Amino acid sequence: MSTAPASLSPAVLHRLVQEGKAPRLLDVRTPGEFRTAHIRGSYNVPLNTLREHRAELLSHLDEEVVLVCRSGQRAREAEQALAQAGLPNLRVLDGGMVAWETAGAPVERGPERWDMERQVRLVAGSVVLVTGLVGIAVPGAHLVGTAIGAGLTYAALSNSCAMGVLLSKLPYNRGPRTDIRTVLAELRSTR
């Protein structure tokens, strides 16, 4: 039985950052999401990269680590991966970047991009709309929209999203590829 990871509120993290006592911040979103907006001083280690290189990251994360994503879901997955690898002192930013920005905390901004949730809504809604309209002339076409609806229902129940995973692989979302050697060198040089 797993327990919920410890969380840290945006207000507490913001105070720690202002006091110069910020823990290591690992942002596990895609490089594209990270470039759009991130907390100053955070390191972008996308969830898949983190899972693949968690053993290498362990030796560079000996102090408290706060994991950040859009809403907290991917950060909780990253917490599980790092905890299984033996890293203590993990926390998740409660509510992720959404809560951080809502609290009025500062962010570093780059080129604006649509977040993954918005992209999923666009693709799913478009497929349902088009297959519903095509279904007027082509019997059975509406079943594609029904399959999308079933997939979204499963995504909500399982707290996963296959469409989001597929969309994250598009060039628009990838941005520059995260080089783990660069991240490790930055982690080494800052503490």
N, C-alpha and C. Protein backbone atom coordinates (compact mmCIF):
# COMPACT_ATOMS: atom_id res chain seq x y z
N MET A 1 0.84 -1.18 0.00
CA MET A 1 0.00 0.00 0.00
C MET A 1 0.89 1.24 0.00
N SER A 2 0.70 2.11 -0.98
CA SER A 2 1.54 3.30 -1.08
C SER A 2 0.85 4.47 -0.38
N THR A 3 1.66 5.35 0.14
CA THR A 3 1.13 6.55 0.78
C THR A 3 1.30 7.72 -0.18
N ALA A 4 0.50 8.73 0.04
CA ALA A 4 0.59 9.91 -0.81
C ALA A 4 1.93 10.60 -0.53
N PRO A 5 2.58 11.10 -1.57
CA PRO A 5 3.85 11.79 -1.34
C PRO A 5 3.63 13.07 -0.56
N ALA A 6 4.64 13.47 0.17
CA ALA A 6 4.57 14.74 0.89
C ALA A 6 4.46 15.85 -0.14
N SER A 7 3.66 16.84 0.19
CA SER A 7 3.52 17.95 -0.75
C SER A 7 4.00 19.24 -0.08
N LEU A 8 4.21 20.22 -0.91
CA LEU A 8 4.66 21.52 -0.45
C LEU A 8 3.77 22.54 -1.14
N SER A 9 3.21 23.45 -0.38
CA SER A 9 2.30 24.44 -0.97
C SER A 9 3.10 25.48 -1.76
N PRO A 10 2.46 26.09 -2.76
CA PRO A 10 3.15 27.15 -3.50
C PRO A 10 3.62 28.29 -2.60
N ALA A 11 2.82 28.65 -1.59
CA ALA A 11 3.20 29.75 -0.70
C ALA A 11 4.48 29.43 0.08
N VAL A 12 4.58 28.19 0.60
CA VAL A 12 5.77 27.81 1.35
C VAL A 12 6.98 27.75 0.43
N LEU A 13 6.82 27.15 -0.74
CA LEU A 13 7.94 27.08 -1.68
C LEU A 13 8.38 28.48 -2.10
N HIS A 14 7.43 29.35 -2.37
CA HIS A 14 7.76 30.71 -2.77
C HIS A 14 8.57 31.41 -1.68
N ARG A 15 8.17 31.23 -0.43
CA ARG A 15 8.91 31.83 0.70
C ARG A 15 10.34 31.27 0.75
N LEU A 16 10.48 29.93 0.57
CA LEU A 16 11.81 29.32 0.59
C LEU A 16 12.69 29.87 -0.53
N VAL A 17 12.11 30.04 -1.72
CA VAL A 17 12.84 30.59 -2.85
C VAL A 17 13.30 32.02 -2.53
N GLN A 18 12.39 32.83 -1.99
CA GLN A 18 12.73 34.22 -1.67
C GLN A 18 13.82 34.30 -0.61
N GLU A 19 13.84 33.35 0.33
CA GLU A 19 14.83 33.36 1.40
C GLU A 19 16.16 32.73 0.97
N GLY A 20 16.22 32.24 -0.27
CA GLY A 20 17.43 31.58 -0.74
C GLY A 20 17.61 30.19 -0.17
N LYS A 21 16.55 29.59 0.31
CA LYS A 21 16.59 28.25 0.90
C LYS A 21 15.82 27.24 0.06
N ALA A 22 15.71 27.52 -1.22
CA ALA A 22 14.92 26.65 -2.09
C ALA A 22 15.53 25.26 -2.19
N PRO A 23 14.70 24.22 -2.12
CA PRO A 23 15.20 22.87 -2.37
C PRO A 23 15.48 22.72 -3.87
N ARG A 24 16.05 21.59 -4.24
CA ARG A 24 16.21 21.30 -5.67
C ARG A 24 14.83 21.19 -6.28
N LEU A 25 14.63 21.84 -7.41
CA LEU A 25 13.35 21.79 -8.10
C LEU A 25 13.53 21.05 -9.41
N LEU A 26 12.88 19.90 -9.53
CA LEU A 26 12.90 19.14 -10.78
C LEU A 26 11.54 19.27 -11.44
N ASP A 27 11.52 19.85 -12.61
CA ASP A 27 10.29 20.03 -13.38
C ASP A 27 10.20 18.88 -14.36
N VAL A 28 9.18 18.03 -14.22
CA VAL A 28 9.09 16.80 -15.00
C VAL A 28 8.18 16.94 -16.22
N ARG A 29 7.83 18.16 -16.59
CA ARG A 29 7.01 18.37 -17.78
C ARG A 29 7.86 18.25 -19.04
N THR A 30 7.21 18.29 -20.18
CA THR A 30 7.93 18.22 -21.45
C THR A 30 8.80 19.48 -21.61
N PRO A 31 9.85 19.40 -22.42
CA PRO A 31 10.67 20.59 -22.65
C PRO A 31 9.85 21.77 -23.19
N GLY A 32 8.87 21.48 -24.04
CA GLY A 32 8.02 22.55 -24.57
C GLY A 32 7.24 23.25 -23.47
N GLU A 33 6.66 22.49 -22.56
CA GLU A 33 5.92 23.07 -21.44
C GLU A 33 6.86 23.87 -20.54
N PHE A 34 8.04 23.31 -20.30
CA PHE A 34 9.02 23.96 -19.44
C PHE A 34 9.44 25.30 -20.03
N ARG A 35 9.67 25.33 -21.33
CA ARG A 35 10.10 26.58 -21.98
C ARG A 35 9.02 27.64 -21.91
N THR A 36 7.75 27.24 -21.91
CA THR A 36 6.67 28.21 -21.84
C THR A 36 6.68 28.95 -20.51
N ALA A 37 6.79 28.21 -19.42
CA ALA A 37 6.81 28.84 -18.09
C ALA A 37 7.38 27.85 -17.10
N HIS A 38 8.33 28.32 -16.28
CA HIS A 38 8.89 27.47 -15.23
C HIS A 38 9.37 28.32 -14.06
N ILE A 39 9.59 27.65 -12.95
CA ILE A 39 10.08 28.33 -11.77
C ILE A 39 11.58 28.55 -11.93
N ARG A 40 12.02 29.77 -11.69
CA ARG A 40 13.44 30.11 -11.81
C ARG A 40 14.27 29.15 -10.94
N GLY A 41 15.33 28.62 -11.52
CA GLY A 41 16.22 27.73 -10.79
C GLY A 41 15.83 26.26 -10.87
N SER A 42 14.71 25.96 -11.54
CA SER A 42 14.31 24.56 -11.66
C SER A 42 15.04 23.90 -12.82
N TYR A 43 15.13 22.59 -12.74
CA TYR A 43 15.80 21.79 -13.76
C TYR A 43 14.73 20.99 -14.50
N ASN A 44 14.80 21.01 -15.83
CA ASN A 44 13.84 20.25 -16.61
C ASN A 44 14.35 18.83 -16.82
N VAL A 45 13.68 17.88 -16.19
CA VAL A 45 13.96 16.47 -16.36
C VAL A 45 12.63 15.80 -16.65
N PRO A 46 12.23 15.74 -17.94
CA PRO A 46 10.93 15.16 -18.29
C PRO A 46 10.75 13.78 -17.65
N LEU A 47 9.50 13.46 -17.36
CA LEU A 47 9.18 12.24 -16.63
C LEU A 47 9.83 11.01 -17.24
N ASN A 48 9.77 10.85 -18.55
CA ASN A 48 10.37 9.67 -19.19
C ASN A 48 11.89 9.66 -19.01
N THR A 49 12.52 10.82 -19.12
CA THR A 49 13.97 10.92 -18.91
C THR A 49 14.32 10.58 -17.47
N LEU A 50 13.51 11.10 -16.54
CA LEU A 50 13.74 10.83 -15.13
C LEU A 50 13.65 9.34 -14.83
N ARG A 51 12.63 8.70 -15.37
CA ARG A 51 12.48 7.25 -15.14
C ARG A 51 13.68 6.49 -15.70
N GLU A 52 14.12 6.87 -16.88
CA GLU A 52 15.22 6.17 -17.55
C GLU A 52 16.56 6.39 -16.86
N HIS A 53 16.78 7.57 -16.28
CA HIS A 53 18.08 7.92 -15.71
C HIS A 53 18.04 8.16 -14.21
N ARG A 54 17.05 7.60 -13.53
CA ARG A 54 16.92 7.88 -12.09
C ARG A 54 18.13 7.45 -11.29
N ALA A 55 18.78 6.36 -11.67
CA ALA A 55 19.97 5.91 -10.94
C ALA A 55 21.09 6.95 -11.04
N GLU A 56 21.25 7.54 -12.22
CA GLU A 56 22.28 8.57 -12.40
C GLU A 56 21.94 9.84 -11.62
N LEU A 57 20.66 10.15 -11.52
CA LEU A 57 20.23 11.35 -10.82
C LEU A 57 20.43 11.24 -9.30
N LEU A 58 20.34 10.03 -8.77
CA LEU A 58 20.38 9.83 -7.32
C LEU A 58 21.60 10.46 -6.66
N SER A 59 22.75 10.30 -7.25
CA SER A 59 23.97 10.82 -6.61
C SER A 59 24.04 12.34 -6.62
N HIS A 60 23.16 12.99 -7.37
CA HIS A 60 23.16 14.45 -7.46
C HIS A 60 21.98 15.07 -6.72
N LEU A 61 21.19 14.22 -6.06
CA LEU A 61 19.99 14.70 -5.38
C LEU A 61 20.01 14.26 -3.93
N ASP A 62 21.03 14.69 -3.17
CA ASP A 62 21.16 14.23 -1.79
C ASP A 62 20.43 15.11 -0.79
N GLU A 63 19.91 16.25 -1.23
CA GLU A 63 19.14 17.10 -0.33
C GLU A 63 17.66 17.02 -0.71
N GLU A 64 16.85 17.86 -0.08
CA GLU A 64 15.41 17.84 -0.36
C GLU A 64 15.15 18.19 -1.82
N VAL A 65 14.21 17.47 -2.43
CA VAL A 65 13.85 17.68 -3.83
C VAL A 65 12.34 17.92 -3.90
N VAL A 66 11.96 18.93 -4.67
CA VAL A 66 10.55 19.20 -4.93
C VAL A 66 10.31 18.94 -6.41
N LEU A 67 9.33 18.12 -6.70
CA LEU A 67 8.98 17.76 -8.07
C LEU A 67 7.82 18.62 -8.54
N VAL A 68 7.93 19.11 -9.77
CA VAL A 68 6.97 20.06 -10.31
C VAL A 68 6.46 19.56 -11.65
N CYS A 69 5.16 19.70 -11.88
CA CYS A 69 4.58 19.48 -13.21
C CYS A 69 3.43 20.47 -13.37
N ARG A 70 2.54 20.22 -14.27
CA ARG A 70 1.44 21.16 -14.49
C ARG A 70 0.47 21.18 -13.32
N SER A 71 0.00 20.00 -12.90
CA SER A 71 -1.03 19.94 -11.86
C SER A 71 -0.66 19.06 -10.67
N GLY A 72 0.38 18.27 -10.79
CA GLY A 72 0.81 17.39 -9.71
C GLY A 72 0.82 15.92 -10.06
N GLN A 73 0.12 15.51 -11.11
CA GLN A 73 0.02 14.09 -11.46
C GLN A 73 1.37 13.51 -11.90
N ARG A 74 2.02 14.13 -12.87
CA ARG A 74 3.31 13.61 -13.33
C ARG A 74 4.36 13.71 -12.23
N ALA A 75 4.27 14.74 -11.40
CA ALA A 75 5.21 14.87 -10.29
C ALA A 75 5.04 13.71 -9.30
N ARG A 76 3.81 13.27 -9.08
CA ARG A 76 3.58 12.12 -8.19
C ARG A 76 4.16 10.85 -8.81
N GLU A 77 4.04 10.71 -10.12
CA GLU A 77 4.64 9.55 -10.80
C GLU A 77 6.17 9.61 -10.68
N ALA A 78 6.74 10.78 -10.83
CA ALA A 78 8.19 10.94 -10.68
C ALA A 78 8.61 10.62 -9.25
N GLU A 79 7.80 11.03 -8.28
CA GLU A 79 8.10 10.74 -6.88
C GLU A 79 8.15 9.24 -6.65
N GLN A 80 7.21 8.52 -7.21
CA GLN A 80 7.21 7.06 -7.06
C GLN A 80 8.46 6.45 -7.66
N ALA A 81 8.84 6.92 -8.85
CA ALA A 81 10.03 6.38 -9.52
C ALA A 81 11.29 6.64 -8.71
N LEU A 82 11.45 7.85 -8.19
CA LEU A 82 12.65 8.19 -7.42
C LEU A 82 12.64 7.51 -6.04
N ALA A 83 11.47 7.40 -5.43
CA ALA A 83 11.37 6.72 -4.14
C ALA A 83 11.73 5.24 -4.28
N GLN A 84 11.27 4.61 -5.36
CA GLN A 84 11.61 3.21 -5.61
C GLN A 84 13.11 3.04 -5.82
N ALA A 85 13.76 4.06 -6.34
CA ALA A 85 15.21 4.01 -6.55
C ALA A 85 15.97 4.32 -5.26
N GLY A 86 15.25 4.72 -4.20
CA GLY A 86 15.88 4.93 -2.91
C GLY A 86 16.15 6.36 -2.51
N LEU A 87 15.55 7.32 -3.20
CA LEU A 87 15.79 8.71 -2.86
C LEU A 87 14.80 9.18 -1.79
N PRO A 88 15.32 9.61 -0.65
CA PRO A 88 14.42 10.16 0.39
C PRO A 88 14.19 11.65 0.15
N ASN A 89 13.49 12.28 1.02
CA ASN A 89 13.31 13.74 1.02
C ASN A 89 12.66 14.28 -0.25
N LEU A 90 11.64 13.59 -0.73
CA LEU A 90 10.93 14.02 -1.92
C LEU A 90 9.62 14.69 -1.55
N ARG A 91 9.32 15.75 -2.28
CA ARG A 91 8.04 16.42 -2.13
C ARG A 91 7.51 16.76 -3.51
N VAL A 92 6.22 16.98 -3.58
CA VAL A 92 5.55 17.38 -4.82
C VAL A 92 4.95 18.76 -4.60
N LEU A 93 5.15 19.67 -5.56
CA LEU A 93 4.53 20.98 -5.47
C LEU A 93 3.02 20.79 -5.58
N ASP A 94 2.32 21.10 -4.51
CA ASP A 94 0.88 20.90 -4.45
C ASP A 94 0.18 21.75 -5.50
N GLY A 95 -0.51 21.10 -6.43
CA GLY A 95 -1.22 21.81 -7.49
C GLY A 95 -0.36 22.20 -8.67
N GLY A 96 0.94 21.91 -8.61
CA GLY A 96 1.84 22.14 -9.73
C GLY A 96 1.94 23.59 -10.16
N MET A 97 2.31 23.78 -11.41
CA MET A 97 2.50 25.13 -11.96
C MET A 97 1.18 25.91 -12.00
N VAL A 98 0.07 25.20 -12.13
CA VAL A 98 -1.22 25.89 -12.12
C VAL A 98 -1.39 26.62 -10.79
N ALA A 99 -1.16 25.92 -9.69
CA ALA A 99 -1.29 26.53 -8.36
C ALA A 99 -0.22 27.59 -8.13
N TRP A 100 1.00 27.33 -8.60
CA TRP A 100 2.11 28.28 -8.45
C TRP A 100 1.74 29.62 -9.10
N GLU A 101 1.26 29.56 -10.33
CA GLU A 101 0.90 30.79 -11.04
C GLU A 101 -0.34 31.44 -10.44
N THR A 102 -1.31 30.63 -10.02
CA THR A 102 -2.52 31.16 -9.38
C THR A 102 -2.17 31.92 -8.11
N ALA A 103 -1.15 31.45 -7.40
CA ALA A 103 -0.70 32.11 -6.17
C ALA A 103 0.07 33.39 -6.45
N GLY A 104 0.31 33.68 -7.72
CA GLY A 104 1.02 34.90 -8.09
C GLY A 104 2.53 34.81 -7.95
N ALA A 105 3.04 33.59 -7.81
CA ALA A 105 4.48 33.40 -7.69
C ALA A 105 5.13 33.65 -9.06
N PRO A 106 6.38 34.11 -9.06
CA PRO A 106 7.02 34.46 -10.33
C PRO A 106 7.41 33.24 -11.16
N VAL A 107 7.36 33.43 -12.47
CA VAL A 107 7.77 32.38 -13.41
C VAL A 107 8.67 32.99 -14.48
N GLU A 108 9.55 32.16 -14.99
CA GLU A 108 10.34 32.52 -16.17
C GLU A 108 9.49 32.14 -17.37
N ARG A 109 9.29 33.07 -18.29
CA ARG A 109 8.43 32.81 -19.45
C ARG A 109 9.23 32.72 -20.74
N GLY A 110 8.75 31.84 -21.60
CA GLY A 110 9.31 31.69 -22.93
C GLY A 110 8.18 31.77 -23.94
N PRO A 111 8.39 31.21 -25.13
CA PRO A 111 7.32 31.25 -26.13
C PRO A 111 6.07 30.52 -25.62
N GLU A 112 4.91 31.13 -25.85
CA GLU A 112 3.65 30.56 -25.39
C GLU A 112 3.30 29.29 -26.19
N ARG A 113 2.90 28.26 -25.48
CA ARG A 113 2.44 27.01 -26.09
C ARG A 113 1.20 26.55 -25.35
N TRP A 114 0.40 25.77 -26.03
CA TRP A 114 -0.76 25.19 -25.37
C TRP A 114 -0.29 24.07 -24.46
N ASP A 115 -0.87 23.99 -23.25
CA ASP A 115 -0.50 22.90 -22.36
C ASP A 115 -1.15 21.60 -22.85
N MET A 116 -0.66 20.48 -22.34
CA MET A 116 -1.07 19.17 -22.82
C MET A 116 -2.58 18.93 -22.65
N GLU A 117 -3.13 19.35 -21.54
CA GLU A 117 -4.56 19.14 -21.31
C GLU A 117 -5.40 19.84 -22.37
N ARG A 118 -5.01 21.05 -22.73
CA ARG A 118 -5.74 21.79 -23.75
C ARG A 118 -5.62 21.11 -25.11
N GLN A 119 -4.43 20.59 -25.42
CA GLN A 119 -4.24 19.87 -26.68
C GLN A 119 -5.12 18.62 -26.74
N VAL A 120 -5.19 17.88 -25.63
CA VAL A 120 -6.02 16.68 -25.58
C VAL A 120 -7.48 17.05 -25.82
N ARG A 121 -7.95 18.12 -25.17
CA ARG A 121 -9.34 18.54 -25.36
C ARG A 121 -9.59 18.92 -26.82
N LEU A 122 -8.64 19.60 -27.46
CA LEU A 122 -8.80 19.99 -28.86
C LEU A 122 -8.89 18.77 -29.76
N VAL A 123 -7.95 17.85 -29.61
CA VAL A 123 -7.93 16.67 -30.48
C VAL A 123 -9.17 15.80 -30.25
N ALA A 124 -9.47 15.50 -28.99
CA ALA A 124 -10.62 14.65 -28.69
C ALA A 124 -11.92 15.31 -29.16
N GLY A 125 -12.09 16.59 -28.86
CA GLY A 125 -13.31 17.29 -29.28
C GLY A 125 -13.43 17.35 -30.79
N SER A 126 -12.33 17.58 -31.48
CA SER A 126 -12.35 17.64 -32.94
C SER A 126 -12.73 16.30 -33.56
N VAL A 127 -12.15 15.22 -33.03
CA VAL A 127 -12.47 13.89 -33.56
C VAL A 127 -13.95 13.58 -33.33
N VAL A 128 -14.46 13.86 -32.15
CA VAL A 128 -15.87 13.60 -31.86
C VAL A 128 -16.76 14.45 -32.76
N LEU A 129 -16.45 15.73 -32.92
CA LEU A 129 -17.24 16.62 -33.78
C LEU A 129 -17.24 16.14 -35.22
N VAL A 130 -16.06 15.86 -35.77
CA VAL A 130 -15.96 15.46 -37.18
C VAL A 130 -16.65 14.12 -37.42
N THR A 131 -16.40 13.14 -36.56
CA THR A 131 -17.04 11.83 -36.78
C THR A 131 -18.54 11.90 -36.56
N GLY A 132 -19.00 12.80 -35.69
CA GLY A 132 -20.45 12.99 -35.52
C GLY A 132 -21.07 13.56 -36.76
N LEU A 133 -20.40 14.56 -37.37
CA LEU A 133 -20.92 15.14 -38.61
C LEU A 133 -20.83 14.17 -39.78
N VAL A 134 -19.69 13.48 -39.90
CA VAL A 134 -19.53 12.51 -40.98
C VAL A 134 -20.53 11.37 -40.80
N GLY A 135 -20.84 11.05 -39.55
CA GLY A 135 -21.79 9.97 -39.25
C GLY A 135 -23.16 10.21 -39.82
N ILE A 136 -23.50 11.46 -40.14
CA ILE A 136 -24.78 11.76 -40.77
C ILE A 136 -24.85 11.11 -42.15
N ALA A 137 -23.73 11.11 -42.86
CA ALA A 137 -23.69 10.56 -44.22
C ALA A 137 -23.10 9.16 -44.27
N VAL A 138 -22.23 8.84 -43.33
CA VAL A 138 -21.54 7.54 -43.34
C VAL A 138 -21.94 6.77 -42.08
N PRO A 139 -22.79 5.77 -42.25
CA PRO A 139 -23.22 5.01 -41.07
C PRO A 139 -22.02 4.38 -40.35
N GLY A 140 -22.01 4.50 -39.05
CA GLY A 140 -20.95 3.89 -38.24
C GLY A 140 -19.78 4.79 -37.93
N ALA A 141 -19.65 5.92 -38.63
CA ALA A 141 -18.52 6.83 -38.39
C ALA A 141 -18.54 7.38 -36.97
N HIS A 142 -19.73 7.51 -36.40
CA HIS A 142 -19.84 8.05 -35.04
C HIS A 142 -19.17 7.14 -34.00
N LEU A 143 -18.92 5.90 -34.38
CA LEU A 143 -18.30 4.97 -33.43
C LEU A 143 -16.86 5.37 -33.10
N VAL A 144 -16.21 6.09 -34.01
CA VAL A 144 -14.87 6.60 -33.71
C VAL A 144 -14.94 7.57 -32.54
N GLY A 145 -15.93 8.46 -32.58
CA GLY A 145 -16.14 9.39 -31.48
C GLY A 145 -16.49 8.66 -30.19
N THR A 146 -17.26 7.60 -30.31
CA THR A 146 -17.60 6.79 -29.14
C THR A 146 -16.33 6.17 -28.55
N ALA A 147 -15.42 5.70 -29.40
CA ALA A 147 -14.16 5.12 -28.92
C ALA A 147 -13.32 6.17 -28.21
N ILE A 148 -13.30 7.38 -28.74
CA ILE A 148 -12.57 8.47 -28.08
C ILE A 148 -13.19 8.74 -26.70
N GLY A 149 -14.50 8.77 -26.63
CA GLY A 149 -15.17 8.97 -25.35
C GLY A 149 -14.83 7.87 -24.36
N ALA A 150 -14.79 6.63 -24.83
CA ALA A 150 -14.42 5.50 -23.96
C ALA A 150 -12.97 5.66 -23.49
N GLY A 151 -12.09 6.10 -24.38
CA GLY A 151 -10.69 6.32 -24.01
C GLY A 151 -10.55 7.42 -22.96
N LEU A 152 -11.30 8.50 -23.10
CA LEU A 152 -11.25 9.58 -22.12
C LEU A 152 -11.81 9.14 -20.77
N THR A 153 -12.85 8.31 -20.81
CA THR A 153 -13.40 7.77 -19.56
C THR A 153 -12.36 6.90 -18.87
N TYR A 154 -11.71 6.02 -19.64
CA TYR A 154 -10.66 5.18 -19.06
C TYR A 154 -9.52 6.04 -18.51
N ALA A 155 -9.15 7.10 -19.25
CA ALA A 155 -8.08 7.98 -18.80
C ALA A 155 -8.42 8.61 -17.45
N ALA A 156 -9.67 9.01 -17.28
CA ALA A 156 -10.08 9.61 -16.01
C ALA A 156 -10.06 8.57 -14.88
N LEU A 157 -10.55 7.37 -15.16
CA LEU A 157 -10.61 6.34 -14.13
C LEU A 157 -9.23 5.82 -13.75
N SER A 158 -8.33 5.73 -14.72
CA SER A 158 -6.99 5.18 -14.45
C SER A 158 -5.98 6.28 -14.12
N ASN A 159 -6.41 7.54 -14.26
CA ASN A 159 -5.53 8.68 -14.04
C ASN A 159 -4.30 8.63 -14.94
N SER A 160 -4.53 8.24 -16.18
CA SER A 160 -3.49 8.21 -17.21
C SER A 160 -4.10 8.76 -18.49
N CYS A 161 -3.29 9.04 -19.47
CA CYS A 161 -3.84 9.59 -20.70
C CYS A 161 -2.97 9.18 -21.89
N ALA A 162 -3.43 8.18 -22.61
CA ALA A 162 -2.69 7.70 -23.78
C ALA A 162 -2.59 8.79 -24.85
N MET A 163 -3.66 9.57 -25.02
CA MET A 163 -3.63 10.63 -26.02
C MET A 163 -2.58 11.68 -25.64
N GLY A 164 -2.49 12.00 -24.36
CA GLY A 164 -1.48 12.96 -23.90
C GLY A 164 -0.07 12.45 -24.14
N VAL A 165 0.13 11.15 -23.92
CA VAL A 165 1.44 10.55 -24.17
C VAL A 165 1.78 10.66 -25.65
N LEU A 166 0.81 10.35 -26.52
CA LEU A 166 1.06 10.45 -27.95
C LEU A 166 1.32 11.89 -28.38
N LEU A 167 0.53 12.82 -27.87
CA LEU A 167 0.73 14.23 -28.23
C LEU A 167 2.08 14.76 -27.73
N SER A 168 2.55 14.25 -26.60
CA SER A 168 3.84 14.72 -26.06
C SER A 168 5.01 14.36 -26.97
N LYS A 169 4.80 13.40 -27.86
CA LYS A 169 5.87 12.98 -28.77
C LYS A 169 5.95 13.84 -30.03
N LEU A 170 4.96 14.71 -30.24
CA LEU A 170 4.98 15.59 -31.41
C LEU A 170 6.10 16.62 -31.27
N PRO A 171 6.71 17.04 -32.38
CA PRO A 171 7.80 18.03 -32.31
C PRO A 171 7.39 19.31 -31.57
N TYR A 172 6.15 19.72 -31.71
CA TYR A 172 5.66 20.93 -31.04
C TYR A 172 5.85 20.83 -29.52
N ASN A 173 5.66 19.66 -28.96
CA ASN A 173 5.73 19.47 -27.51
C ASN A 173 7.12 19.08 -27.03
N ARG A 174 7.91 18.53 -27.89
CA ARG A 174 9.22 18.07 -27.44
C ARG A 174 10.18 19.21 -27.18
N GLY A 175 10.16 20.21 -28.03
CA GLY A 175 11.14 21.28 -27.85
C GLY A 175 12.54 20.68 -27.95
N PRO A 176 13.52 21.39 -27.41
CA PRO A 176 14.86 20.82 -27.43
C PRO A 176 14.91 19.60 -26.51
N ARG A 177 15.56 18.56 -26.96
CA ARG A 177 15.64 17.32 -26.18
C ARG A 177 16.48 17.57 -24.93
N THR A 178 16.00 17.05 -23.82
CA THR A 178 16.73 17.19 -22.57
C THR A 178 17.91 16.24 -22.59
N ASP A 179 19.11 16.79 -22.45
CA ASP A 179 20.32 15.99 -22.40
C ASP A 179 20.65 15.72 -20.93
N ILE A 180 20.57 14.47 -20.53
CA ILE A 180 20.77 14.12 -19.12
C ILE A 180 22.16 14.52 -18.64
N ARG A 181 23.17 14.46 -19.51
CA ARG A 181 24.52 14.86 -19.10
C ARG A 181 24.57 16.35 -18.75
N THR A 182 23.84 17.16 -19.51
CA THR A 182 23.79 18.59 -19.22
C THR A 182 23.10 18.83 -17.89
N VAL A 183 21.99 18.13 -17.65
CA VAL A 183 21.26 18.28 -16.38
C VAL A 183 22.16 17.87 -15.22
N LEU A 184 22.85 16.74 -15.35
CA LEU A 184 23.73 16.28 -14.28
C LEU A 184 24.86 17.28 -14.02
N ALA A 185 25.41 17.85 -15.07
CA ALA A 185 26.48 18.84 -14.91
C ALA A 185 25.94 20.09 -14.20
N GLU A 186 24.74 20.51 -14.55
CA GLU A 186 24.14 21.68 -13.88
C GLU A 186 23.87 21.36 -12.40
N LEU A 187 23.37 20.17 -12.12
CA LEU A 187 23.12 19.78 -10.73
C LEU A 187 24.42 19.77 -9.92
N ARG A 188 25.49 19.27 -10.53
CA ARG A 188 26.82 19.21 -9.87
C ARG A 188 27.34 20.62 -9.59
N SER A 189 27.15 21.50 -10.54
CA SER A 189 27.76 22.83 -10.43
C SER A 189 27.03 23.79 -9.50
N THR A 190 25.79 23.51 -9.16
CA THR A 190 25.02 24.47 -8.37
C THR A 190 25.05 24.20 -6.87
N ARG A 191 25.56 23.07 -6.45
CA ARG A 191 25.60 22.82 -5.01
C ARG A 191 26.92 22.24 -4.62
